[in-house]
Amino acid sequence: MSIKVQGVTKLYGEQKALDEVSFSISKGEVVGLLGPNGAGKSTMMKILTCFIPPSEGNAEVNGYNIFDQEQEVRKQVGYLPENNPVYTDMYVRENLEFFAGIHNLGNKKSRIEEIIDLTGLRAESHKKIGQLSKGYRQRVGIAQALIHDPQVLILDEPTSGLDPNQLVDIRKMIKNIGKDKTVILSTHIMQEVEAVCDRAIIIHKGKIVADDSTGELHMLNKKAAVVIVEFDKPADKHLLLKIDGISSAEQLEVNTWQIIAESEKDVRSDIFQFAVDNKLKVLSMQKKDQSLEDIFHELTM
């Protein structure tokens, strides 16, 4: 087992950032740690990288305990925090030489060339980091985290603020790295999880509310379906929720609603009848299966 977390709780004063969290990750898995802002994702990552200790519970990385074998844990882990810690006045190679020196690597030159190719930095490796786009700065941050060839890579919001093209490139790179290493990445972007991860762990208010493969998570609420309906005038949410078979209704725009309904019962005819009874016109209506984003929204609201 690459990572094992048992009953981890973290308190900041009276605030409980993590509440008896337990999970395990096998070698070679790419796992998305999902949750809204403040859910406890970054706290969990800082515990696994030995930046902070848990208040209760324990964790192991590649068999090394975060309390008794802190230095060994750090050798096993490469970590990219949310705020990418790069030295903007250094050249790319100079920066990687600096971090290779911190890790006392004996094969610095060959390892730097290897990591430059792995992270796609070859064309930009002659530049100062401050001259790079944000996408390439993220590549440098990932290169720093990988320079000592760790078995576990932990990435906190690795694609935050990137443009669509940069997103695709970084996701491909993470997917490629995940062929040889265990990868944990935190995000609240559902497309990222579907594009990169084998499995997702969803955290809400410090607790795990779902933990399964991305395919199985799509089936988590297989008895539910989504109906998007647009009326010509505002509708009353309380009246919508009284329709038999409807579990939730969310207003997307002024007159547009996302309705979660039991799939055994097709509620579209009932919605039409609701419109007639309330002197509304249905301008459009579409039924679709729940996406991972819909499931995330239900679990974390």
C-alpha atoms as a PDB file:
ATOM      1  CA  MET A   1       0.000   0.000   0.000  1.00  0.00           C
ATOM      2  CA  SER A   2       1.473   3.356  -1.049  1.00  0.00           C
ATOM      3  CA  ILE A   3      -0.548   5.577   1.329  1.00  0.00           C
ATOM      4  CA  LYS A   4      -2.522   4.596   4.397  1.00  0.00           C
ATOM      5  CA  VAL A   5      -4.506   7.125   6.454  1.00  0.00           C
ATOM      6  CA  GLN A   6      -6.225   6.001   9.662  1.00  0.00           C
ATOM      7  CA  GLY A   7      -8.656   8.108  11.685  1.00  0.00           C
ATOM      8  CA  VAL A   8      -6.937  11.444  10.985  1.00  0.00           C
ATOM      9  CA  THR A   9      -8.458  14.448  12.734  1.00  0.00           C
ATOM     10  CA  LYS A  10      -7.016  17.954  12.618  1.00  0.00           C
ATOM     11  CA  LEU A  11      -8.111  20.750  14.944  1.00  0.00           C
ATOM     12  CA  TYR A  12      -7.323  24.443  14.596  1.00  0.00           C
ATOM     13  CA  GLY A  13      -8.499  25.682  17.954  1.00  0.00           C
ATOM     14  CA  GLU A  14     -12.146  24.638  18.071  1.00  0.00           C
ATOM     15  CA  GLN A  15     -12.420  24.299  14.288  1.00  0.00           C
ATOM     16  CA  LYS A  16     -12.257  20.703  12.999  1.00  0.00           C
ATOM     17  CA  ALA A  17     -10.562  20.793   9.586  1.00  0.00           C
ATOM     18  CA  LEU A  18     -10.492  16.982   9.286  1.00  0.00           C
ATOM     19  CA  ASP A  19     -12.800  14.604  11.119  1.00  0.00           C
ATOM     20  CA  GLU A  20     -11.658  10.960  11.474  1.00  0.00           C
ATOM     21  CA  VAL A  21     -10.560  10.617   7.852  1.00  0.00           C
ATOM     22  CA  SER A  22      -9.420   7.155   6.708  1.00  0.00           C
ATOM     23  CA  PHE A  23      -8.431   5.914   3.253  1.00  0.00           C
ATOM     24  CA  SER A  24      -5.713   3.964   1.475  1.00  0.00           C
ATOM     25  CA  ILE A  25      -4.133   4.367  -1.968  1.00  0.00           C
ATOM     26  CA  SER A  26      -2.325   1.638  -3.878  1.00  0.00           C
ATOM     27  CA  LYS A  27       0.895   2.105  -5.792  1.00  0.00           C
ATOM     28  CA  GLY A  28       0.346   3.567  -9.260  1.00  0.00           C
ATOM     29  CA  GLU A  29      -3.110   5.075  -8.599  1.00  0.00           C
ATOM     30  CA  VAL A  30      -3.946   8.623  -9.681  1.00  0.00           C
ATOM     31  CA  VAL A  31      -6.435   9.877  -7.099  1.00  0.00           C
ATOM     32  CA  GLY A  32      -8.365  13.135  -7.083  1.00  0.00           C
ATOM     33  CA  LEU A  33      -8.994  14.712  -3.685  1.00  0.00           C
ATOM     34  CA  LEU A  34     -12.155  16.726  -4.271  1.00  0.00           C
ATOM     35  CA  GLY A  35     -14.041  19.186  -2.159  1.00  0.00           C
ATOM     36  CA  PRO A  36     -15.218  22.790  -1.975  1.00  0.00           C
ATOM     37  CA  ASN A  37     -12.900  25.456  -0.604  1.00  0.00           C
ATOM     38  CA  GLY A  38     -12.286  24.858   3.094  1.00  0.00           C
ATOM     39  CA  ALA A  39     -13.225  21.157   2.937  1.00  0.00           C
ATOM     40  CA  GLY A  40      -9.851  19.998   4.322  1.00  0.00           C
ATOM     41  CA  LYS A  41      -8.016  18.978   1.131  1.00  0.00           C
ATOM     42  CA  SER A  42      -4.888  21.081   1.668  1.00  0.00           C
ATOM     43  CA  THR A  43      -4.772  20.131   5.354  1.00  0.00           C
ATOM     44  CA  MET A  44      -4.731  16.447   4.405  1.00  0.00           C
ATOM     45  CA  MET A  45      -1.916  17.039   1.938  1.00  0.00           C
ATOM     46  CA  LYS A  46       0.166  18.966   4.471  1.00  0.00           C
ATOM     47  CA  ILE A  47      -0.206  16.083   6.935  1.00  0.00           C
ATOM     48  CA  LEU A  48       0.930  13.530   4.336  1.00  0.00           C
ATOM     49  CA  THR A  49       3.971  15.673   3.499  1.00  0.00           C
ATOM     50  CA  CYS A  50       4.860  16.169   7.208  1.00  0.00           C
ATOM     51  CA  PHE A  51       4.360  19.938   7.128  1.00  0.00           C
ATOM     52  CA  ILE A  52       1.857  19.693   9.978  1.00  0.00           C
ATOM     53  CA  PRO A  53       0.944  16.839  12.355  1.00  0.00           C
ATOM     54  CA  PRO A  54      -2.604  15.521  12.830  1.00  0.00           C
ATOM     55  CA  SER A  55      -4.355  16.132  16.144  1.00  0.00           C
ATOM     56  CA  GLU A  56      -5.450  12.480  16.194  1.00  0.00           C
ATOM     57  CA  GLY A  57      -4.898   9.416  14.018  1.00  0.00           C
ATOM     58  CA  ASN A  58      -1.952   8.294  11.938  1.00  0.00           C
ATOM     59  CA  ALA A  59      -0.702   7.973   8.360  1.00  0.00           C
ATOM     60  CA  GLU A  60       1.962   6.036   6.469  1.00  0.00           C
ATOM     61  CA  VAL A  61       3.649   6.703   3.129  1.00  0.00           C
ATOM     62  CA  ASN A  62       5.285   3.656   1.527  1.00  0.00           C
ATOM     63  CA  GLY A  63       5.401   2.022   4.943  1.00  0.00           C
ATOM     64  CA  TYR A  64       7.004   5.007   6.711  1.00  0.00           C
ATOM     65  CA  ASN A  65       5.158   6.624   9.614  1.00  0.00           C
ATOM     66  CA  ILE A  66       4.604  10.398   9.565  1.00  0.00           C
ATOM     67  CA  PHE A  67       5.439  10.663  13.285  1.00  0.00           C
ATOM     68  CA  ASP A  68       8.440   8.387  13.738  1.00  0.00           C
ATOM     69  CA  GLN A  69       9.992   8.462  10.255  1.00  0.00           C
ATOM     70  CA  GLU A  70       9.388  12.011   9.049  1.00  0.00           C
ATOM     71  CA  GLN A  71      12.616  12.297   7.016  1.00  0.00           C
ATOM     72  CA  GLU A  72      11.971   9.002   5.241  1.00  0.00           C
ATOM     73  CA  VAL A  73       8.425  10.115   4.402  1.00  0.00           C
ATOM     74  CA  ARG A  74       9.775  13.318   2.843  1.00  0.00           C
ATOM     75  CA  LYS A  75      12.160  11.303   0.674  1.00  0.00           C
ATOM     76  CA  GLN A  76       9.189   9.333  -0.654  1.00  0.00           C
ATOM     77  CA  VAL A  77       7.066  12.391  -1.482  1.00  0.00           C
ATOM     78  CA  GLY A  78       7.208  15.144  -4.082  1.00  0.00           C
ATOM     79  CA  TYR A  79       4.940  18.071  -3.216  1.00  0.00           C
ATOM     80  CA  LEU A  80       3.633  21.018  -5.232  1.00  0.00           C
ATOM     81  CA  PRO A  81       1.712  23.420  -2.942  1.00  0.00           C
ATOM     82  CA  GLU A  82      -1.127  25.547  -4.243  1.00  0.00           C
ATOM     83  CA  ASN A  83       1.153  28.619  -4.292  1.00  0.00           C
ATOM     84  CA  ASN A  84       3.937  27.344  -6.544  1.00  0.00           C
ATOM     85  CA  PRO A  85       7.240  28.030  -4.663  1.00  0.00           C
ATOM     86  CA  VAL A  86       9.574  28.855  -7.574  1.00  0.00           C
ATOM     87  CA  TYR A  87      12.434  31.364  -7.568  1.00  0.00           C
ATOM     88  CA  THR A  88      11.524  33.710 -10.407  1.00  0.00           C
ATOM     89  CA  ASP A  89      15.024  35.252 -10.664  1.00  0.00           C
ATOM     90  CA  MET A  90      16.634  31.848 -11.290  1.00  0.00           C
ATOM     91  CA  TYR A  91      17.029  30.184 -14.667  1.00  0.00           C
ATOM     92  CA  VAL A  92      15.139  26.901 -15.083  1.00  0.00           C
ATOM     93  CA  ARG A  93      18.272  24.722 -14.978  1.00  0.00           C
ATOM     94  CA  GLU A  94      19.772  26.781 -12.148  1.00  0.00           C
ATOM     95  CA  ASN A  95      16.590  26.277 -10.116  1.00  0.00           C
ATOM     96  CA  LEU A  96      16.603  22.508 -10.688  1.00  0.00           C
ATOM     97  CA  GLU A  97      20.325  22.329  -9.791  1.00  0.00           C
ATOM     98  CA  PHE A  98      19.506  24.092  -6.523  1.00  0.00           C
ATOM     99  CA  PHE A  99      16.815  21.564  -5.609  1.00  0.00           C
ATOM    100  CA  ALA A 100      18.944  18.640  -6.744  1.00  0.00           C
ATOM    101  CA  GLY A 101      21.599  19.916  -4.343  1.00  0.00           C
ATOM    102  CA  ILE A 102      19.092  20.078  -1.481  1.00  0.00           C
ATOM    103  CA  HIS A 103      18.366  16.386  -2.072  1.00  0.00           C
ATOM    104  CA  ASN A 104      22.100  15.565  -2.340  1.00  0.00           C
ATOM    105  CA  LEU A 105      21.680  13.869  -5.705  1.00  0.00           C
ATOM    106  CA  GLY A 106      24.846  12.271  -7.022  1.00  0.00           C
ATOM    107  CA  ASN A 107      23.748  12.294 -10.666  1.00  0.00           C
ATOM    108  CA  LYS A 108      22.547  15.895 -10.824  1.00  0.00           C
ATOM    109  CA  LYS A 109      23.248  16.678 -14.489  1.00  0.00           C
ATOM    110  CA  SER A 110      21.684  13.551 -15.958  1.00  0.00           C
ATOM    111  CA  ARG A 111      18.683  13.746 -13.610  1.00  0.00           C
ATOM    112  CA  ILE A 112      18.042  17.405 -14.499  1.00  0.00           C
ATOM    113  CA  GLU A 113      18.074  16.593 -18.228  1.00  0.00           C
ATOM    114  CA  GLU A 114      15.757  13.639 -17.619  1.00  0.00           C
ATOM    115  CA  ILE A 115      13.283  15.725 -15.614  1.00  0.00           C
ATOM    116  CA  ILE A 116      13.373  18.576 -18.172  1.00  0.00           C
ATOM    117  CA  ASP A 117      12.278  16.113 -20.857  1.00  0.00           C
ATOM    118  CA  LEU A 118       9.661  14.490 -18.616  1.00  0.00           C
ATOM    119  CA  THR A 119       8.009  17.839 -17.809  1.00  0.00           C
ATOM    120  CA  GLY A 120       8.304  19.315 -21.319  1.00  0.00           C
ATOM    121  CA  LEU A 121      10.624  22.148 -20.295  1.00  0.00           C
ATOM    122  CA  ARG A 122      13.306  21.644 -22.976  1.00  0.00           C
ATOM    123  CA  ALA A 123      12.285  24.605 -25.148  1.00  0.00           C
ATOM    124  CA  GLU A 124      12.094  26.986 -22.149  1.00  0.00           C
ATOM    125  CA  SER A 125      14.995  25.662 -20.077  1.00  0.00           C
ATOM    126  CA  HIS A 126      17.335  28.550 -21.033  1.00  0.00           C
ATOM    127  CA  LYS A 127      14.961  31.203 -19.612  1.00  0.00           C
ATOM    128  CA  LYS A 128      14.510  32.767 -16.205  1.00  0.00           C
ATOM    129  CA  ILE A 129      11.441  31.417 -14.431  1.00  0.00           C
ATOM    130  CA  GLY A 130      10.038  34.951 -14.197  1.00  0.00           C
ATOM    131  CA  GLN A 131       9.890  35.049 -18.009  1.00  0.00           C
ATOM    132  CA  LEU A 132       7.771  31.902 -18.265  1.00  0.00           C
ATOM    133  CA  SER A 133       4.000  31.668 -18.692  1.00  0.00           C
ATOM    134  CA  LYS A 134       2.025  30.348 -15.731  1.00  0.00           C
ATOM    135  CA  GLY A 135       1.689  26.960 -17.429  1.00  0.00           C
ATOM    136  CA  TYR A 136       5.454  26.583 -17.719  1.00  0.00           C
ATOM    137  CA  ARG A 137       5.957  27.822 -14.162  1.00  0.00           C
ATOM    138  CA  GLN A 138       3.667  24.982 -13.060  1.00  0.00           C
ATOM    139  CA  ARG A 139       5.860  22.598 -15.034  1.00  0.00           C
ATOM    140  CA  VAL A 140       8.900  23.925 -13.163  1.00  0.00           C
ATOM    141  CA  GLY A 141       7.075  23.400  -9.853  1.00  0.00           C
ATOM    142  CA  ILE A 142       6.270  19.803 -10.812  1.00  0.00           C
ATOM    143  CA  ALA A 143       9.880  19.294 -11.961  1.00  0.00           C
ATOM    144  CA  GLN A 144      11.086  20.499  -8.534  1.00  0.00           C
ATOM    145  CA  ALA A 145       8.747  18.029  -6.845  1.00  0.00           C
ATOM    146  CA  LEU A 146      10.028  15.173  -9.048  1.00  0.00           C
ATOM    147  CA  ILE A 147      13.767  15.927  -9.061  1.00  0.00           C
ATOM    148  CA  HIS A 148      14.587  13.373  -6.319  1.00  0.00           C
ATOM    149  CA  ASP A 149      12.480  10.662  -8.021  1.00  0.00           C
ATOM    150  CA  PRO A 150       9.838  10.269  -5.280  1.00  0.00           C
ATOM    151  CA  GLN A 151       7.374   7.374  -5.368  1.00  0.00           C
ATOM    152  CA  VAL A 152       4.442   9.620  -4.406  1.00  0.00           C
ATOM    153  CA  LEU A 153       3.557  12.948  -6.053  1.00  0.00           C
ATOM    154  CA  ILE A 154       1.149  15.289  -4.232  1.00  0.00           C
ATOM    155  CA  LEU A 155      -0.238  18.238  -6.199  1.00  0.00           C
ATOM    156  CA  ASP A 156      -2.416  20.936  -4.631  1.00  0.00           C
ATOM    157  CA  GLU A 157      -4.612  22.642  -7.265  1.00  0.00           C
ATOM    158  CA  PRO A 158      -1.980  22.096 -10.021  1.00  0.00           C
ATOM    159  CA  THR A 159      -4.032  23.680 -12.833  1.00  0.00           C
ATOM    160  CA  SER A 160      -5.439  26.677 -10.971  1.00  0.00           C
ATOM    161  CA  GLY A 161      -5.459  29.782 -13.173  1.00  0.00           C
ATOM    162  CA  LEU A 162      -4.260  28.074 -16.367  1.00  0.00           C
ATOM    163  CA  ASP A 163      -5.792  28.755 -19.776  1.00  0.00           C
ATOM    164  CA  PRO A 164      -7.546  25.894 -21.666  1.00  0.00           C
ATOM    165  CA  ASN A 165      -4.461  24.913 -23.703  1.00  0.00           C
ATOM    166  CA  GLN A 166      -2.233  24.906 -20.625  1.00  0.00           C
ATOM    167  CA  LEU A 167      -4.845  22.812 -18.799  1.00  0.00           C
ATOM    168  CA  VAL A 168      -4.722  20.106 -21.467  1.00  0.00           C
ATOM    169  CA  ASP A 169      -0.896  20.028 -21.446  1.00  0.00           C
ATOM    170  CA  ILE A 170      -0.556  19.810 -17.646  1.00  0.00           C
ATOM    171  CA  ARG A 171      -3.268  17.126 -17.417  1.00  0.00           C
ATOM    172  CA  LYS A 172      -1.496  15.022 -20.053  1.00  0.00           C
ATOM    173  CA  MET A 173       1.761  15.383 -18.156  1.00  0.00           C
ATOM    174  CA  ILE A 174       0.175  14.322 -14.835  1.00  0.00           C
ATOM    175  CA  LYS A 175      -1.469  11.340 -16.537  1.00  0.00           C
ATOM    176  CA  ASN A 176       1.905  10.312 -17.965  1.00  0.00           C
ATOM    177  CA  ILE A 177       3.662  10.661 -14.590  1.00  0.00           C
ATOM    178  CA  GLY A 178       0.899   8.548 -13.023  1.00  0.00           C
ATOM    179  CA  LYS A 179       2.002   5.537 -15.086  1.00  0.00           C
ATOM    180  CA  ASP A 180       5.001   5.103 -12.763  1.00  0.00           C
ATOM    181  CA  LYS A 181       4.086   6.914  -9.549  1.00  0.00           C
ATOM    182  CA  THR A 182       1.253   7.286  -7.068  1.00  0.00           C
ATOM    183  CA  VAL A 183      -0.345  10.708  -7.635  1.00  0.00           C
ATOM    184  CA  ILE A 184      -2.751  12.648  -5.411  1.00  0.00           C
ATOM    185  CA  LEU A 185      -4.100  15.906  -6.743  1.00  0.00           C
ATOM    186  CA  SER A 186      -6.567  18.214  -5.061  1.00  0.00           C
ATOM    187  CA  THR A 187      -9.086  20.070  -7.168  1.00  0.00           C
ATOM    188  CA  HIS A 188     -12.682  21.223  -7.323  1.00  0.00           C
ATOM    189  CA  ILE A 189     -12.780  20.957 -11.137  1.00  0.00           C
ATOM    190  CA  MET A 190     -14.782  17.899 -12.113  1.00  0.00           C
ATOM    191  CA  GLN A 191     -13.468  17.771 -15.688  1.00  0.00           C
ATOM    192  CA  GLU A 192      -9.978  17.469 -14.265  1.00  0.00           C
ATOM    193  CA  VAL A 193     -10.892  14.398 -12.254  1.00  0.00           C
ATOM    194  CA  GLU A 194     -12.563  12.743 -15.246  1.00  0.00           C
ATOM    195  CA  ALA A 195      -9.584  13.566 -17.501  1.00  0.00           C
ATOM    196  CA  VAL A 196      -6.773  12.501 -15.161  1.00  0.00           C
ATOM    197  CA  CYS A 197      -7.873  10.387 -12.194  1.00  0.00           C
ATOM    198  CA  ASP A 198      -8.615   6.692 -11.749  1.00  0.00           C
ATOM    199  CA  ARG A 199     -10.441   7.384  -8.488  1.00  0.00           C
ATOM    200  CA  ALA A 200     -11.950  10.260  -6.544  1.00  0.00           C
ATOM    201  CA  ILE A 201     -12.199  10.923  -2.811  1.00  0.00           C
ATOM    202  CA  ILE A 202     -14.736  13.650  -2.042  1.00  0.00           C
ATOM    203  CA  ILE A 203     -14.301  15.566   1.234  1.00  0.00           C
ATOM    204  CA  HIS A 204     -16.946  17.844   2.703  1.00  0.00           C
ATOM    205  CA  LYS A 205     -16.566  19.684   6.010  1.00  0.00           C
ATOM    206  CA  GLY A 206     -13.603  17.505   6.960  1.00  0.00           C
ATOM    207  CA  LYS A 207     -15.337  14.168   6.305  1.00  0.00           C
ATOM    208  CA  ILE A 208     -15.134  11.755   3.377  1.00  0.00           C
ATOM    209  CA  VAL A 209     -18.565  11.638   1.716  1.00  0.00           C
ATOM    210  CA  ALA A 210     -17.584   9.460  -1.269  1.00  0.00           C
ATOM    211  CA  ASP A 211     -14.601   7.311  -2.283  1.00  0.00           C
ATOM    212  CA  ASP A 212     -14.698   5.257  -5.475  1.00  0.00           C
ATOM    213  CA  SER A 213     -13.469   4.993  -9.055  1.00  0.00           C
ATOM    214  CA  THR A 214     -14.644   7.822 -11.295  1.00  0.00           C
ATOM    215  CA  GLY A 215     -16.761   5.332 -13.240  1.00  0.00           C
ATOM    216  CA  GLU A 216     -18.492   4.050 -10.116  1.00  0.00           C
ATOM    217  CA  LEU A 217     -19.093   7.581  -8.817  1.00  0.00           C
ATOM    218  CA  HIS A 218     -21.116   8.243 -11.950  1.00  0.00           C
ATOM    219  CA  MET A 219     -23.353   5.387 -10.804  1.00  0.00           C
ATOM    220  CA  LEU A 220     -23.557   6.643  -7.215  1.00  0.00           C
ATOM    221  CA  ASN A 221     -26.972   8.164  -7.773  1.00  0.00           C
ATOM    222  CA  LYS A 222     -28.014   5.926 -10.665  1.00  0.00           C
ATOM    223  CA  LYS A 223     -31.630   6.178  -9.552  1.00  0.00           C
ATOM    224  CA  ALA A 224     -31.593   9.908 -10.177  1.00  0.00           C
ATOM    225  CA  ALA A 225     -31.898  11.897 -13.387  1.00  0.00           C
ATOM    226  CA  VAL A 226     -31.556  15.586 -14.177  1.00  0.00           C
ATOM    227  CA  VAL A 227     -34.134  17.689 -15.980  1.00  0.00           C
ATOM    228  CA  ILE A 228     -33.230  21.191 -17.176  1.00  0.00           C
ATOM    229  CA  VAL A 229     -36.370  23.233 -17.790  1.00  0.00           C
ATOM    230  CA  GLU A 230     -36.859  26.854 -18.867  1.00  0.00           C
ATOM    231  CA  PHE A 231     -40.152  28.634 -18.184  1.00  0.00           C
ATOM    232  CA  ASP A 232     -41.298  31.940 -19.650  1.00  0.00           C
ATOM    233  CA  LYS A 233     -41.727  33.466 -16.168  1.00  0.00           C
ATOM    234  CA  PRO A 234     -40.321  32.927 -12.664  1.00  0.00           C
ATOM    235  CA  ALA A 235     -41.465  29.729 -10.931  1.00  0.00           C
ATOM    236  CA  ASP A 236     -41.971  29.053  -7.213  1.00  0.00           C
ATOM    237  CA  LYS A 237     -39.335  26.631  -5.914  1.00  0.00           C
ATOM    238  CA  HIS A 238     -41.538  25.398  -3.064  1.00  0.00           C
ATOM    239  CA  LEU A 239     -44.263  24.443  -5.529  1.00  0.00           C
ATOM    240  CA  LEU A 240     -41.752  22.694  -7.815  1.00  0.00           C
ATOM    241  CA  LEU A 241     -40.558  20.560  -4.907  1.00  0.00           C
ATOM    242  CA  LYS A 242     -44.137  19.416  -4.278  1.00  0.00           C
ATOM    243  CA  ILE A 243     -44.147  17.559  -7.635  1.00  0.00           C
ATOM    244  CA  ASP A 244     -44.083  13.832  -6.896  1.00  0.00           C
ATOM    245  CA  GLY A 245     -40.647  12.291  -7.593  1.00  0.00           C
ATOM    246  CA  ILE A 246     -38.617  15.528  -7.458  1.00  0.00           C
ATOM    247  CA  SER A 247     -35.892  15.588  -4.801  1.00  0.00           C
ATOM    248  CA  SER A 248     -34.266  18.974  -5.485  1.00  0.00           C
ATOM    249  CA  ALA A 249     -34.634  22.067  -7.655  1.00  0.00           C
ATOM    250  CA  GLU A 250     -31.880  24.597  -8.295  1.00  0.00           C
ATOM    251  CA  GLN A 251     -32.360  27.893 -10.110  1.00  0.00           C
ATOM    252  CA  LEU A 252     -29.637  28.199 -12.785  1.00  0.00           C
ATOM    253  CA  GLU A 253     -30.882  31.446 -14.319  1.00  0.00           C
ATOM    254  CA  VAL A 254     -33.893  33.692 -13.799  1.00  0.00           C
ATOM    255  CA  ASN A 255     -36.377  31.247 -15.365  1.00  0.00           C
ATOM    256  CA  THR A 256     -34.207  28.141 -15.807  1.00  0.00           C
ATOM    257  CA  TRP A 257     -34.165  25.288 -13.297  1.00  0.00           C
ATOM    258  CA  GLN A 258     -32.144  22.131 -12.760  1.00  0.00           C
ATOM    259  CA  ILE A 259     -34.412  19.497 -11.283  1.00  0.00           C
ATOM    260  CA  ILE A 260     -33.163  16.227  -9.760  1.00  0.00           C
ATOM    261  CA  ALA A 261     -35.739  13.473 -10.085  1.00  0.00           C
ATOM    262  CA  GLU A 262     -36.028   9.723  -9.561  1.00  0.00           C
ATOM    263  CA  SER A 263     -35.334   8.113 -12.929  1.00  0.00           C
ATOM    264  CA  GLU A 264     -38.005   5.427 -12.466  1.00  0.00           C
ATOM    265  CA  LYS A 265     -40.571   8.192 -12.775  1.00  0.00           C
ATOM    266  CA  ASP A 266     -40.368  10.464 -15.812  1.00  0.00           C
ATOM    267  CA  VAL A 267     -41.410  13.781 -14.291  1.00  0.00           C
ATOM    268  CA  ARG A 268     -41.473  15.751 -17.535  1.00  0.00           C
ATOM    269  CA  SER A 269     -45.230  15.372 -17.975  1.00  0.00           C
ATOM    270  CA  ASP A 270     -45.714  16.450 -14.352  1.00  0.00           C
ATOM    271  CA  ILE A 271     -43.565  19.523 -15.000  1.00  0.00           C
ATOM    272  CA  PHE A 272     -45.735  20.388 -18.021  1.00  0.00           C
ATOM    273  CA  GLN A 273     -48.828  20.024 -15.834  1.00  0.00           C
ATOM    274  CA  PHE A 274     -47.176  22.188 -13.166  1.00  0.00           C
ATOM    275  CA  ALA A 275     -46.633  24.871 -15.822  1.00  0.00           C
ATOM    276  CA  VAL A 276     -50.282  24.720 -16.920  1.00  0.00           C
ATOM    277  CA  ASP A 277     -51.526  24.887 -13.319  1.00  0.00           C
ATOM    278  CA  ASN A 278     -49.329  27.896 -12.582  1.00  0.00           C
ATOM    279  CA  LYS A 279     -49.951  29.735 -15.882  1.00  0.00           C
ATOM    280  CA  LEU A 280     -46.383  29.194 -17.118  1.00  0.00           C
ATOM    281  CA  LYS A 281     -45.096  28.199 -20.535  1.00  0.00           C
ATOM    282  CA  VAL A 282     -42.311  25.622 -20.954  1.00  0.00           C
ATOM    283  CA  LEU A 283     -39.803  27.123 -23.410  1.00  0.00           C
ATOM    284  CA  SER A 284     -37.399  24.173 -23.301  1.00  0.00           C
ATOM    285  CA  MET A 285     -36.858  20.963 -21.357  1.00  0.00           C
ATOM    286  CA  GLN A 286     -34.011  18.433 -21.467  1.00  0.00           C
ATOM    287  CA  LYS A 287     -33.447  15.220 -19.551  1.00  0.00           C
ATOM    288  CA  LYS A 288     -29.888  14.035 -18.914  1.00  0.00           C
ATOM    289  CA  ASP A 289     -27.963  11.613 -16.718  1.00  0.00           C
ATOM    290  CA  GLN A 290     -26.186  12.957 -13.660  1.00  0.00           C
ATOM    291  CA  SER A 291     -22.637  14.107 -14.308  1.00  0.00           C
ATOM    292  CA  LEU A 292     -19.828  13.854 -11.768  1.00  0.00           C
ATOM    293  CA  GLU A 293     -20.308  17.585 -11.237  1.00  0.00           C
ATOM    294  CA  ASP A 294     -23.987  17.046 -10.337  1.00  0.00           C
ATOM    295  CA  ILE A 295     -23.040  14.306  -7.863  1.00  0.00           C
ATOM    296  CA  PHE A 296     -20.303  16.486  -6.330  1.00  0.00           C
ATOM    297  CA  HIS A 297     -22.820  19.310  -5.964  1.00  0.00           C
ATOM    298  CA  GLU A 298     -25.354  17.082  -4.208  1.00  0.00           C
ATOM    299  CA  LEU A 299     -22.760  15.599  -1.828  1.00  0.00           C
ATOM    300  CA  THR A 300     -21.244  18.935  -0.830  1.00  0.00           C
ATOM    301  CA  MET A 301     -24.308  21.167  -0.521  1.00  0.00           C
END
